[in-house]
Amino acid sequence: MLWSPETIIPKSSEKTYRSARKPSARLPLPSVRDSPSVDLTVVIPAYNETERLPSMFETTLTHLESSRSSRSYEVLIVDDGSRDGTADLALKLGTKYPQSEVRVVVLEKNVGKGGAVRHGMLHGRGRRLLMVDADGASRFEDLELLWADMDKISPNGEAAVAVGSRAHLVKTDAVVKVCPCSLLASSELRLHTPQRSFIRNVLMYGLHTILRIVGVGHIRDTQCGFKLFSRRAAQNIFPYQHLATWIFDVELLLLAKAQDMPTAEVPIEWHEVSGSKLHVFADSLQMLRDLLILRANLILGRWKVPATSGAAAVK
């Protein structure tokens, strides 16, 4: 189909990782199809994030270390073709936490946030896998909120998703400054953001309408970059993901819905962080296009989803 993204085929170097413990060695990545060997994998997509990564990394590792006695973990940073030394910085930051397992994968060229998340999820070792943005906008401690809801909907490792949501932040200072294309799924959030231009409002309402048509209107905030997947969910979602651009979150949620996976939307804290790489007009148009491509490929049967939900537990 016209404009449909090409299948992302990883290069040989992208099937390896470097560890903060042995930064000079390139080791083979495992597969999400393997049996899990840690409780949690934290996947951090990063593109030119030398400015914002240190603060986020410290917050993340501090919290993970505080719960080490009850939860083993790994941090998998996917450098999405950065040109500013993001990967080397990540390895350096990892050495500050010698007991941690920090792994860095470098993609040879920039494929988009969705492609970087997909790559990390396909190679995580965790019983549960968390995607989180490198900017630190989400409060990492809210992982515990997602974890608790995951315990409820997936007590034995069944396929399930817990979605961090900012929809409860309507009318607060936390959202009035935010780029509107990061809050596509909540009409309330858009309506109360001041001084919308006519074109921007048209784009936002168009995107929101298509989200409902596509089938994810049940999630108020599809775009929050803080989502927790059971291992079974990751196995049954990410191999079937096609979109690598900003709107990939919608495809993930649609794949979960198509397989009847329980999905919990969990209110979390969030604050704006400068340095966003989103461009309102251009990225909104791209999102519109990609949503239409997504819908068309699903209707035509070109993009498939598993026939069953794969609800069996992962031990």
C-alpha atoms as a PDB file:
ATOM      1  CA  MET A   1       0.000   0.000   0.000  1.00  0.00           C
ATOM      2  CA  LEU A   2       1.152   3.529  -0.772  1.00  0.00           C
ATOM      3  CA  TRP A   3       3.148   5.059   2.106  1.00  0.00           C
ATOM      4  CA  SER A   4       3.060   1.872   4.164  1.00  0.00           C
ATOM      5  CA  PRO A   5       6.289   1.591   6.182  1.00  0.00           C
ATOM      6  CA  GLU A   6       8.843  -0.962   5.157  1.00  0.00           C
ATOM      7  CA  THR A   7       9.481  -3.899   7.460  1.00  0.00           C
ATOM      8  CA  ILE A   8      12.314  -3.043   9.830  1.00  0.00           C
ATOM      9  CA  ILE A   9      15.041  -5.658   9.532  1.00  0.00           C
ATOM     10  CA  PRO A  10      17.737  -5.276  12.200  1.00  0.00           C
ATOM     11  CA  LYS A  11      21.370  -5.083  11.128  1.00  0.00           C
ATOM     12  CA  SER A  12      23.898  -7.526  12.539  1.00  0.00           C
ATOM     13  CA  SER A  13      25.334  -4.931  14.920  1.00  0.00           C
ATOM     14  CA  GLU A  14      21.827  -4.178  16.235  1.00  0.00           C
ATOM     15  CA  LYS A  15      21.487  -7.748  17.456  1.00  0.00           C
ATOM     16  CA  THR A  16      24.237  -7.095  19.995  1.00  0.00           C
ATOM     17  CA  TYR A  17      24.563  -4.938  23.078  1.00  0.00           C
ATOM     18  CA  ARG A  18      27.252  -3.384  25.220  1.00  0.00           C
ATOM     19  CA  SER A  19      27.106  -3.533  28.985  1.00  0.00           C
ATOM     20  CA  ALA A  20      28.172  -0.911  31.502  1.00  0.00           C
ATOM     21  CA  ARG A  21      30.093  -3.711  33.160  1.00  0.00           C
ATOM     22  CA  LYS A  22      32.005  -4.592  29.967  1.00  0.00           C
ATOM     23  CA  PRO A  23      31.619  -1.592  27.626  1.00  0.00           C
ATOM     24  CA  SER A  24      34.134  -2.825  25.059  1.00  0.00           C
ATOM     25  CA  ALA A  25      32.475  -6.229  24.531  1.00  0.00           C
ATOM     26  CA  ARG A  26      29.622  -6.778  22.078  1.00  0.00           C
ATOM     27  CA  LEU A  27      27.354  -9.535  23.288  1.00  0.00           C
ATOM     28  CA  PRO A  28      24.357 -11.184  21.558  1.00  0.00           C
ATOM     29  CA  LEU A  29      20.928  -9.960  22.555  1.00  0.00           C
ATOM     30  CA  PRO A  30      18.416 -12.472  23.905  1.00  0.00           C
ATOM     31  CA  SER A  31      14.878 -12.807  22.533  1.00  0.00           C
ATOM     32  CA  VAL A  32      11.565 -11.966  24.160  1.00  0.00           C
ATOM     33  CA  ARG A  33      10.593 -15.519  23.160  1.00  0.00           C
ATOM     34  CA  ASP A  34      13.140 -16.888  25.629  1.00  0.00           C
ATOM     35  CA  SER A  35      12.199 -17.668  29.215  1.00  0.00           C
ATOM     36  CA  PRO A  36      12.445 -14.556  31.432  1.00  0.00           C
ATOM     37  CA  SER A  37      15.488 -14.182  33.650  1.00  0.00           C
ATOM     38  CA  VAL A  38      14.708 -10.931  35.510  1.00  0.00           C
ATOM     39  CA  ASP A  39      11.514  -9.485  36.941  1.00  0.00           C
ATOM     40  CA  LEU A  40      11.575  -6.228  34.995  1.00  0.00           C
ATOM     41  CA  THR A  41      13.045  -4.854  31.780  1.00  0.00           C
ATOM     42  CA  VAL A  42      13.051  -1.069  31.426  1.00  0.00           C
ATOM     43  CA  VAL A  43      13.219  -0.062  27.758  1.00  0.00           C
ATOM     44  CA  ILE A  44      14.390   3.511  27.163  1.00  0.00           C
ATOM     45  CA  PRO A  45      14.346   4.773  23.543  1.00  0.00           C
ATOM     46  CA  ALA A  46      16.887   7.567  23.176  1.00  0.00           C
ATOM     47  CA  TYR A  47      17.700   9.886  20.294  1.00  0.00           C
ATOM     48  CA  ASN A  48      20.263  12.626  20.952  1.00  0.00           C
ATOM     49  CA  GLU A  49      19.488  12.631  24.683  1.00  0.00           C
ATOM     50  CA  THR A  50      22.797  13.646  26.278  1.00  0.00           C
ATOM     51  CA  GLU A  51      21.144  16.669  27.875  1.00  0.00           C
ATOM     52  CA  ARG A  52      18.083  14.994  29.378  1.00  0.00           C
ATOM     53  CA  LEU A  53      19.237  11.415  29.999  1.00  0.00           C
ATOM     54  CA  PRO A  54      21.451  11.967  33.103  1.00  0.00           C
ATOM     55  CA  SER A  55      18.636  13.277  35.296  1.00  0.00           C
ATOM     56  CA  MET A  56      16.164  10.651  34.102  1.00  0.00           C
ATOM     57  CA  PHE A  57      18.758   7.900  34.509  1.00  0.00           C
ATOM     58  CA  GLU A  58      19.539   8.875  38.095  1.00  0.00           C
ATOM     59  CA  THR A  59      15.865   8.915  39.058  1.00  0.00           C
ATOM     60  CA  THR A  60      15.259   5.581  37.359  1.00  0.00           C
ATOM     61  CA  LEU A  61      18.225   3.727  38.825  1.00  0.00           C
ATOM     62  CA  THR A  62      17.712   5.160  42.293  1.00  0.00           C
ATOM     63  CA  HIS A  63      14.188   3.771  42.397  1.00  0.00           C
ATOM     64  CA  LEU A  64      15.118   0.433  40.859  1.00  0.00           C
ATOM     65  CA  GLU A  65      17.965  -0.022  43.316  1.00  0.00           C
ATOM     66  CA  SER A  66      15.654   0.753  46.235  1.00  0.00           C
ATOM     67  CA  SER A  67      13.525  -2.269  45.320  1.00  0.00           C
ATOM     68  CA  ARG A  68      16.343  -4.589  44.282  1.00  0.00           C
ATOM     69  CA  SER A  69      15.755  -6.959  47.204  1.00  0.00           C
ATOM     70  CA  SER A  70      12.267  -7.786  45.926  1.00  0.00           C
ATOM     71  CA  ARG A  71      12.578  -7.174  42.171  1.00  0.00           C
ATOM     72  CA  SER A  72      15.445  -7.956  39.804  1.00  0.00           C
ATOM     73  CA  TYR A  73      15.767  -5.745  36.756  1.00  0.00           C
ATOM     74  CA  GLU A  74      17.674  -4.682  33.689  1.00  0.00           C
ATOM     75  CA  VAL A  75      17.773  -1.334  31.892  1.00  0.00           C
ATOM     76  CA  LEU A  76      17.897  -1.563  28.107  1.00  0.00           C
ATOM     77  CA  ILE A  77      18.693   1.727  26.397  1.00  0.00           C
ATOM     78  CA  VAL A  78      18.077   1.743  22.640  1.00  0.00           C
ATOM     79  CA  ASP A  79      20.092   4.503  20.991  1.00  0.00           C
ATOM     80  CA  ASP A  80      18.053   5.366  17.914  1.00  0.00           C
ATOM     81  CA  GLY A  81      20.897   6.473  15.654  1.00  0.00           C
ATOM     82  CA  SER A  82      22.035   9.371  17.858  1.00  0.00           C
ATOM     83  CA  ARG A  83      24.849  11.667  16.794  1.00  0.00           C
ATOM     84  CA  ASP A  84      25.675  13.225  20.142  1.00  0.00           C
ATOM     85  CA  GLY A  85      27.250  10.313  22.008  1.00  0.00           C
ATOM     86  CA  THR A  86      24.086   9.165  23.776  1.00  0.00           C
ATOM     87  CA  ALA A  87      25.194   5.519  23.845  1.00  0.00           C
ATOM     88  CA  ASP A  88      28.605   6.256  25.362  1.00  0.00           C
ATOM     89  CA  LEU A  89      27.010   8.524  27.953  1.00  0.00           C
ATOM     90  CA  ALA A  90      24.511   5.812  28.879  1.00  0.00           C
ATOM     91  CA  LEU A  91      27.331   3.327  29.444  1.00  0.00           C
ATOM     92  CA  LYS A  92      29.187   5.873  31.564  1.00  0.00           C
ATOM     93  CA  LEU A  93      26.104   6.560  33.647  1.00  0.00           C
ATOM     94  CA  GLY A  94      25.638   2.837  34.142  1.00  0.00           C
ATOM     95  CA  THR A  95      29.056   2.502  35.786  1.00  0.00           C
ATOM     96  CA  LYS A  96      27.771   4.608  38.693  1.00  0.00           C
ATOM     97  CA  TYR A  97      25.510   1.695  39.609  1.00  0.00           C
ATOM     98  CA  PRO A  98      27.852  -1.326  39.591  1.00  0.00           C
ATOM     99  CA  GLN A  99      25.188  -3.710  40.893  1.00  0.00           C
ATOM    100  CA  SER A 100      22.773  -2.836  38.102  1.00  0.00           C
ATOM    101  CA  GLU A 101      22.399  -4.453  34.687  1.00  0.00           C
ATOM    102  CA  VAL A 102      22.574  -1.628  32.132  1.00  0.00           C
ATOM    103  CA  ARG A 103      22.630  -2.639  28.480  1.00  0.00           C
ATOM    104  CA  VAL A 104      22.954  -0.353  25.464  1.00  0.00           C
ATOM    105  CA  VAL A 105      21.906  -1.153  21.913  1.00  0.00           C
ATOM    106  CA  VAL A 106      22.790   1.188  19.043  1.00  0.00           C
ATOM    107  CA  LEU A 107      20.637   1.324  15.923  1.00  0.00           C
ATOM    108  CA  GLU A 108      22.701   2.215  12.865  1.00  0.00           C
ATOM    109  CA  LYS A 109      20.207   4.843  11.697  1.00  0.00           C
ATOM    110  CA  ASN A 110      17.295   6.717  13.198  1.00  0.00           C
ATOM    111  CA  VAL A 111      14.122   4.665  12.697  1.00  0.00           C
ATOM    112  CA  GLY A 112      11.773   6.532  15.030  1.00  0.00           C
ATOM    113  CA  LYS A 113      10.720   6.160  18.649  1.00  0.00           C
ATOM    114  CA  GLY A 114       8.317   3.313  17.876  1.00  0.00           C
ATOM    115  CA  GLY A 115      11.044   1.358  16.119  1.00  0.00           C
ATOM    116  CA  ALA A 116      13.424   1.835  19.035  1.00  0.00           C
ATOM    117  CA  VAL A 117      10.809   0.714  21.570  1.00  0.00           C
ATOM    118  CA  ARG A 118       9.943  -2.310  19.453  1.00  0.00           C
ATOM    119  CA  HIS A 119      13.602  -3.317  19.211  1.00  0.00           C
ATOM    120  CA  GLY A 120      14.061  -3.111  22.964  1.00  0.00           C
ATOM    121  CA  MET A 121      10.870  -5.019  23.721  1.00  0.00           C
ATOM    122  CA  LEU A 122      11.807  -7.826  21.353  1.00  0.00           C
ATOM    123  CA  HIS A 123      15.062  -8.339  23.266  1.00  0.00           C
ATOM    124  CA  GLY A 124      14.055  -7.823  26.887  1.00  0.00           C
ATOM    125  CA  ARG A 125      14.526 -10.489  29.556  1.00  0.00           C
ATOM    126  CA  GLY A 126      11.877  -9.326  32.005  1.00  0.00           C
ATOM    127  CA  ARG A 127       8.708 -11.004  33.183  1.00  0.00           C
ATOM    128  CA  ARG A 128       7.308  -7.528  32.753  1.00  0.00           C
ATOM    129  CA  LEU A 129       8.602  -4.874  30.385  1.00  0.00           C
ATOM    130  CA  LEU A 130       8.255  -1.118  30.861  1.00  0.00           C
ATOM    131  CA  MET A 131       8.680   1.483  28.133  1.00  0.00           C
ATOM    132  CA  VAL A 132       9.617   4.927  29.429  1.00  0.00           C
ATOM    133  CA  ASP A 133      10.746   8.112  27.701  1.00  0.00           C
ATOM    134  CA  ALA A 134      14.309   9.343  28.141  1.00  0.00           C
ATOM    135  CA  ASP A 135      13.197  12.871  29.049  1.00  0.00           C
ATOM    136  CA  GLY A 136      12.082  11.962  32.567  1.00  0.00           C
ATOM    137  CA  ALA A 137       8.691  13.645  32.160  1.00  0.00           C
ATOM    138  CA  SER A 138       6.917  10.752  33.880  1.00  0.00           C
ATOM    139  CA  ARG A 139       7.579  10.194  37.572  1.00  0.00           C
ATOM    140  CA  PHE A 140       9.393   6.857  37.591  1.00  0.00           C
ATOM    141  CA  GLU A 141       8.149   5.980  41.076  1.00  0.00           C
ATOM    142  CA  ASP A 142       4.694   5.624  39.497  1.00  0.00           C
ATOM    143  CA  LEU A 143       5.922   2.306  38.144  1.00  0.00           C
ATOM    144  CA  GLU A 144       4.526   0.952  41.417  1.00  0.00           C
ATOM    145  CA  LEU A 145       1.036   2.113  40.439  1.00  0.00           C
ATOM    146  CA  LEU A 146       1.257   0.332  37.093  1.00  0.00           C
ATOM    147  CA  TRP A 147       2.748  -2.721  38.810  1.00  0.00           C
ATOM    148  CA  ALA A 148      -0.124  -2.931  41.267  1.00  0.00           C
ATOM    149  CA  ASP A 149      -2.715  -2.765  38.501  1.00  0.00           C
ATOM    150  CA  MET A 150      -0.796  -5.360  36.517  1.00  0.00           C
ATOM    151  CA  ASP A 151      -0.957  -7.634  39.555  1.00  0.00           C
ATOM    152  CA  LYS A 152      -4.743  -7.342  39.392  1.00  0.00           C
ATOM    153  CA  ILE A 153      -5.235  -7.973  35.668  1.00  0.00           C
ATOM    154  CA  SER A 154      -2.335 -10.375  35.136  1.00  0.00           C
ATOM    155  CA  PRO A 155      -1.656 -12.158  38.445  1.00  0.00           C
ATOM    156  CA  ASN A 156      -0.037 -15.164  36.763  1.00  0.00           C
ATOM    157  CA  GLY A 157       1.694 -13.517  33.821  1.00  0.00           C
ATOM    158  CA  GLU A 158      -1.259 -13.513  31.427  1.00  0.00           C
ATOM    159  CA  ALA A 159      -1.161 -11.113  28.483  1.00  0.00           C
ATOM    160  CA  ALA A 160      -2.040  -7.644  29.800  1.00  0.00           C
ATOM    161  CA  VAL A 161      -1.054  -3.978  29.537  1.00  0.00           C
ATOM    162  CA  ALA A 162      -0.987  -1.168  32.114  1.00  0.00           C
ATOM    163  CA  VAL A 163      -1.010   2.285  30.520  1.00  0.00           C
ATOM    164  CA  GLY A 164       0.206   5.396  32.312  1.00  0.00           C
ATOM    165  CA  SER A 165      -2.261   8.234  31.789  1.00  0.00           C
ATOM    166  CA  ARG A 166      -2.204  12.023  32.157  1.00  0.00           C
ATOM    167  CA  ALA A 167      -5.917  12.442  31.445  1.00  0.00           C
ATOM    168  CA  HIS A 168      -6.585  13.307  35.101  1.00  0.00           C
ATOM    169  CA  LEU A 169      -4.370  16.382  34.785  1.00  0.00           C
ATOM    170  CA  VAL A 170      -7.074  18.337  32.946  1.00  0.00           C
ATOM    171  CA  LYS A 171      -6.875  22.099  33.587  1.00  0.00           C
ATOM    172  CA  THR A 172      -3.709  21.795  35.675  1.00  0.00           C
ATOM    173  CA  ASP A 173      -0.443  23.637  35.076  1.00  0.00           C
ATOM    174  CA  ALA A 174       1.130  20.308  34.150  1.00  0.00           C
ATOM    175  CA  VAL A 175      -0.743  20.135  30.860  1.00  0.00           C
ATOM    176  CA  VAL A 176      -1.478  23.663  29.716  1.00  0.00           C
ATOM    177  CA  LYS A 177       2.015  23.992  28.275  1.00  0.00           C
ATOM    178  CA  VAL A 178       2.288  20.536  26.744  1.00  0.00           C
ATOM    179  CA  CYS A 179       2.513  19.995  22.995  1.00  0.00           C
ATOM    180  CA  PRO A 180      -1.035  18.965  22.009  1.00  0.00           C
ATOM    181  CA  CYS A 181       0.049  16.106  19.758  1.00  0.00           C
ATOM    182  CA  SER A 182       1.331  14.264  22.849  1.00  0.00           C
ATOM    183  CA  LEU A 183      -2.178  14.204  24.326  1.00  0.00           C
ATOM    184  CA  LEU A 184      -4.202  13.189  21.297  1.00  0.00           C
ATOM    185  CA  ALA A 185      -6.549  10.828  23.036  1.00  0.00           C
ATOM    186  CA  SER A 186      -8.087  13.234  25.504  1.00  0.00           C
ATOM    187  CA  SER A 187     -10.508  15.772  24.102  1.00  0.00           C
ATOM    188  CA  GLU A 188     -10.763  17.388  27.544  1.00  0.00           C
ATOM    189  CA  LEU A 189      -7.043  18.060  27.613  1.00  0.00           C
ATOM    190  CA  ARG A 190      -7.109  19.646  24.207  1.00  0.00           C
ATOM    191  CA  LEU A 191     -10.154  21.795  24.826  1.00  0.00           C
ATOM    192  CA  HIS A 192      -8.714  23.417  27.937  1.00  0.00           C
ATOM    193  CA  THR A 193      -5.296  24.181  26.470  1.00  0.00           C
ATOM    194  CA  PRO A 194      -5.367  27.940  25.782  1.00  0.00           C
ATOM    195  CA  GLN A 195      -4.893  29.842  22.528  1.00  0.00           C
ATOM    196  CA  ARG A 196      -5.384  27.041  20.038  1.00  0.00           C
ATOM    197  CA  SER A 197      -5.034  28.147  16.448  1.00  0.00           C
ATOM    198  CA  PHE A 198      -7.785  27.145  14.033  1.00  0.00           C
ATOM    199  CA  ILE A 199      -5.505  24.814  12.073  1.00  0.00           C
ATOM    200  CA  ARG A 200      -4.208  23.168  15.242  1.00  0.00           C
ATOM    201  CA  ASN A 201      -7.739  22.545  16.497  1.00  0.00           C
ATOM    202  CA  VAL A 202      -8.733  21.018  13.156  1.00  0.00           C
ATOM    203  CA  LEU A 203      -5.720  18.716  13.308  1.00  0.00           C
ATOM    204  CA  MET A 204      -6.412  17.673  16.878  1.00  0.00           C
ATOM    205  CA  TYR A 205     -10.107  16.978  16.340  1.00  0.00           C
ATOM    206  CA  GLY A 206      -9.265  15.082  13.161  1.00  0.00           C
ATOM    207  CA  LEU A 207      -6.750  12.922  14.996  1.00  0.00           C
ATOM    208  CA  HIS A 208      -9.115  12.284  17.892  1.00  0.00           C
ATOM    209  CA  THR A 209     -11.922  11.282  15.513  1.00  0.00           C
ATOM    210  CA  ILE A 210      -9.666   8.836  13.699  1.00  0.00           C
ATOM    211  CA  LEU A 211      -8.524   7.359  17.023  1.00  0.00           C
ATOM    212  CA  ARG A 212     -12.139   6.507  17.771  1.00  0.00           C
ATOM    213  CA  ILE A 213     -12.647   5.104  14.290  1.00  0.00           C
ATOM    214  CA  VAL A 214      -9.504   3.000  14.599  1.00  0.00           C
ATOM    215  CA  GLY A 215     -10.844   1.574  17.853  1.00  0.00           C
ATOM    216  CA  VAL A 216      -8.885   2.956  20.808  1.00  0.00           C
ATOM    217  CA  GLY A 217     -11.415   5.477  22.063  1.00  0.00           C
ATOM    218  CA  HIS A 218     -11.588   3.527  25.332  1.00  0.00           C
ATOM    219  CA  ILE A 219      -8.149   4.890  26.312  1.00  0.00           C
ATOM    220  CA  ARG A 220      -8.206   8.587  27.197  1.00  0.00           C
ATOM    221  CA  ASP A 221      -4.447   9.127  26.841  1.00  0.00           C
ATOM    222  CA  THR A 222      -2.908   6.850  24.248  1.00  0.00           C
ATOM    223  CA  GLN A 223       0.359   8.776  23.899  1.00  0.00           C
ATOM    224  CA  CYS A 224       1.866   8.717  27.374  1.00  0.00           C
ATOM    225  CA  GLY A 225       5.289   7.107  27.062  1.00  0.00           C
ATOM    226  CA  PHE A 226       4.950   5.061  30.258  1.00  0.00           C
ATOM    227  CA  LYS A 227       3.472   1.629  29.574  1.00  0.00           C
ATOM    228  CA  LEU A 228       3.962  -1.746  31.272  1.00  0.00           C
ATOM    229  CA  PHE A 229       3.533  -5.049  29.431  1.00  0.00           C
ATOM    230  CA  SER A 230       3.457  -8.582  30.735  1.00  0.00           C
ATOM    231  CA  ARG A 231       5.916 -10.793  28.889  1.00  0.00           C
ATOM    232  CA  ARG A 232       3.099 -12.651  27.159  1.00  0.00           C
ATOM    233  CA  ALA A 233       1.680  -9.329  25.977  1.00  0.00           C
ATOM    234  CA  ALA A 234       5.067  -8.252  24.609  1.00  0.00           C
ATOM    235  CA  GLN A 235       5.394 -11.561  22.772  1.00  0.00           C
ATOM    236  CA  ASN A 236       2.000 -11.096  21.134  1.00  0.00           C
ATOM    237  CA  ILE A 237       2.191  -7.376  20.378  1.00  0.00           C
ATOM    238  CA  PHE A 238       5.636  -6.221  19.311  1.00  0.00           C
ATOM    239  CA  PRO A 239       6.386  -8.780  16.580  1.00  0.00           C
ATOM    240  CA  TYR A 240       3.229  -7.493  14.853  1.00  0.00           C
ATOM    241  CA  GLN A 241       3.983  -3.779  15.229  1.00  0.00           C
ATOM    242  CA  HIS A 242       4.597  -1.915  11.953  1.00  0.00           C
ATOM    243  CA  LEU A 243       4.584   1.786  12.797  1.00  0.00           C
ATOM    244  CA  ALA A 244       7.830   3.309  14.031  1.00  0.00           C
ATOM    245  CA  THR A 245       6.640   6.920  14.198  1.00  0.00           C
ATOM    246  CA  TRP A 246       5.047   8.889  17.073  1.00  0.00           C
ATOM    247  CA  ILE A 247       1.645   7.245  16.713  1.00  0.00           C
ATOM    248  CA  PHE A 248       2.966   3.721  17.317  1.00  0.00           C
ATOM    249  CA  ASP A 249       1.332   3.701  20.766  1.00  0.00           C
ATOM    250  CA  VAL A 250      -2.065   3.512  19.074  1.00  0.00           C
ATOM    251  CA  GLU A 251      -1.037   0.426  17.134  1.00  0.00           C
ATOM    252  CA  LEU A 252       0.165  -1.247  20.343  1.00  0.00           C
ATOM    253  CA  LEU A 253      -3.146  -0.589  22.087  1.00  0.00           C
ATOM    254  CA  LEU A 254      -5.092  -1.718  19.041  1.00  0.00           C
ATOM    255  CA  LEU A 255      -3.131  -4.974  18.915  1.00  0.00           C
ATOM    256  CA  ALA A 256      -3.868  -5.519  22.597  1.00  0.00           C
ATOM    257  CA  LYS A 257      -7.573  -4.836  22.073  1.00  0.00           C
ATOM    258  CA  ALA A 258      -7.755  -7.146  19.051  1.00  0.00           C
ATOM    259  CA  GLN A 259      -6.497  -9.965  21.279  1.00  0.00           C
ATOM    260  CA  ASP A 260      -8.850  -9.150  24.184  1.00  0.00           C
ATOM    261  CA  MET A 261      -5.950  -8.324  26.482  1.00  0.00           C
ATOM    262  CA  PRO A 262      -6.960  -6.620  29.729  1.00  0.00           C
ATOM    263  CA  THR A 263      -5.715  -3.029  29.633  1.00  0.00           C
ATOM    264  CA  ALA A 264      -5.624  -0.792  32.711  1.00  0.00           C
ATOM    265  CA  GLU A 265      -5.320   2.988  32.363  1.00  0.00           C
ATOM    266  CA  VAL A 266      -3.473   4.261  35.435  1.00  0.00           C
ATOM    267  CA  PRO A 267      -3.229   7.953  36.434  1.00  0.00           C
ATOM    268  CA  ILE A 268       0.389   9.035  36.890  1.00  0.00           C
ATOM    269  CA  GLU A 269       2.245  12.262  37.611  1.00  0.00           C
ATOM    270  CA  TRP A 270       3.815  14.062  34.679  1.00  0.00           C
ATOM    271  CA  HIS A 271       5.613  17.329  34.039  1.00  0.00           C
ATOM    272  CA  GLU A 272       6.827  19.091  30.952  1.00  0.00           C
ATOM    273  CA  VAL A 273      10.522  18.783  30.102  1.00  0.00           C
ATOM    274  CA  SER A 274      12.103  21.125  27.562  1.00  0.00           C
ATOM    275  CA  GLY A 275      13.788  19.735  24.488  1.00  0.00           C
ATOM    276  CA  SER A 276      10.842  17.908  22.906  1.00  0.00           C
ATOM    277  CA  LYS A 277      11.486  16.713  19.364  1.00  0.00           C
ATOM    278  CA  LEU A 278       7.811  16.930  18.408  1.00  0.00           C
ATOM    279  CA  HIS A 279       6.718  19.533  15.858  1.00  0.00           C
ATOM    280  CA  VAL A 280       3.014  20.262  16.205  1.00  0.00           C
ATOM    281  CA  PHE A 281       2.004  20.825  12.593  1.00  0.00           C
ATOM    282  CA  ALA A 282       4.314  18.401  10.774  1.00  0.00           C
ATOM    283  CA  ASP A 283       3.971  15.595  13.308  1.00  0.00           C
ATOM    284  CA  SER A 284       0.190  15.995  13.541  1.00  0.00           C
ATOM    285  CA  LEU A 285      -0.072  15.573   9.782  1.00  0.00           C
ATOM    286  CA  GLN A 286       2.196  12.551   9.963  1.00  0.00           C
ATOM    287  CA  MET A 287       0.038  11.067  12.717  1.00  0.00           C
ATOM    288  CA  LEU A 288      -3.089  11.567  10.634  1.00  0.00           C
ATOM    289  CA  ARG A 289      -1.456   9.837   7.702  1.00  0.00           C
ATOM    290  CA  ASP A 290      -0.138   6.954   9.799  1.00  0.00           C
ATOM    291  CA  LEU A 291      -3.494   6.374  11.477  1.00  0.00           C
ATOM    292  CA  LEU A 292      -5.158   6.146   8.079  1.00  0.00           C
ATOM    293  CA  ILE A 293      -2.446   3.755   6.898  1.00  0.00           C
ATOM    294  CA  LEU A 294      -2.936   1.654  10.031  1.00  0.00           C
ATOM    295  CA  ARG A 295      -6.682   1.472   9.575  1.00  0.00           C
ATOM    296  CA  ALA A 296      -6.460   0.683   5.858  1.00  0.00           C
ATOM    297  CA  ASN A 297      -3.904  -2.108   6.279  1.00  0.00           C
ATOM    298  CA  LEU A 298      -5.976  -3.742   9.005  1.00  0.00           C
ATOM    299  CA  ILE A 299      -9.190  -3.542   6.975  1.00  0.00           C
ATOM    300  CA  LEU A 300      -7.465  -5.004   3.917  1.00  0.00           C
ATOM    301  CA  GLY A 301      -5.898  -7.765   5.990  1.00  0.00           C
ATOM    302  CA  ARG A 302      -2.337  -6.834   5.049  1.00  0.00           C
ATOM    303  CA  TRP A 303      -1.333  -6.440   8.689  1.00  0.00           C
ATOM    304  CA  LYS A 304      -2.172  -9.429  10.880  1.00  0.00           C
ATOM    305  CA  VAL A 305      -2.650  -9.972  14.587  1.00  0.00           C
ATOM    306  CA  PRO A 306      -2.428 -13.293  16.432  1.00  0.00           C
ATOM    307  CA  ALA A 307      -5.606 -15.330  16.280  1.00  0.00           C
ATOM    308  CA  THR A 308      -5.678 -15.810  20.069  1.00  0.00           C
ATOM    309  CA  SER A 309      -4.789 -13.629  23.010  1.00  0.00           C
ATOM    310  CA  GLY A 310      -2.033 -15.935  24.247  1.00  0.00           C
ATOM    311  CA  ALA A 311      -3.324 -15.625  27.781  1.00  0.00           C
ATOM    312  CA  ALA A 312      -1.230 -18.460  29.150  1.00  0.00           C
ATOM    313  CA  ALA A 313       1.105 -17.386  31.909  1.00  0.00           C
ATOM    314  CA  VAL A 314       4.826 -16.954  31.478  1.00  0.00           C
ATOM    315  CA  LYS A 315       6.710 -18.604  34.300  1.00  0.00           C
END
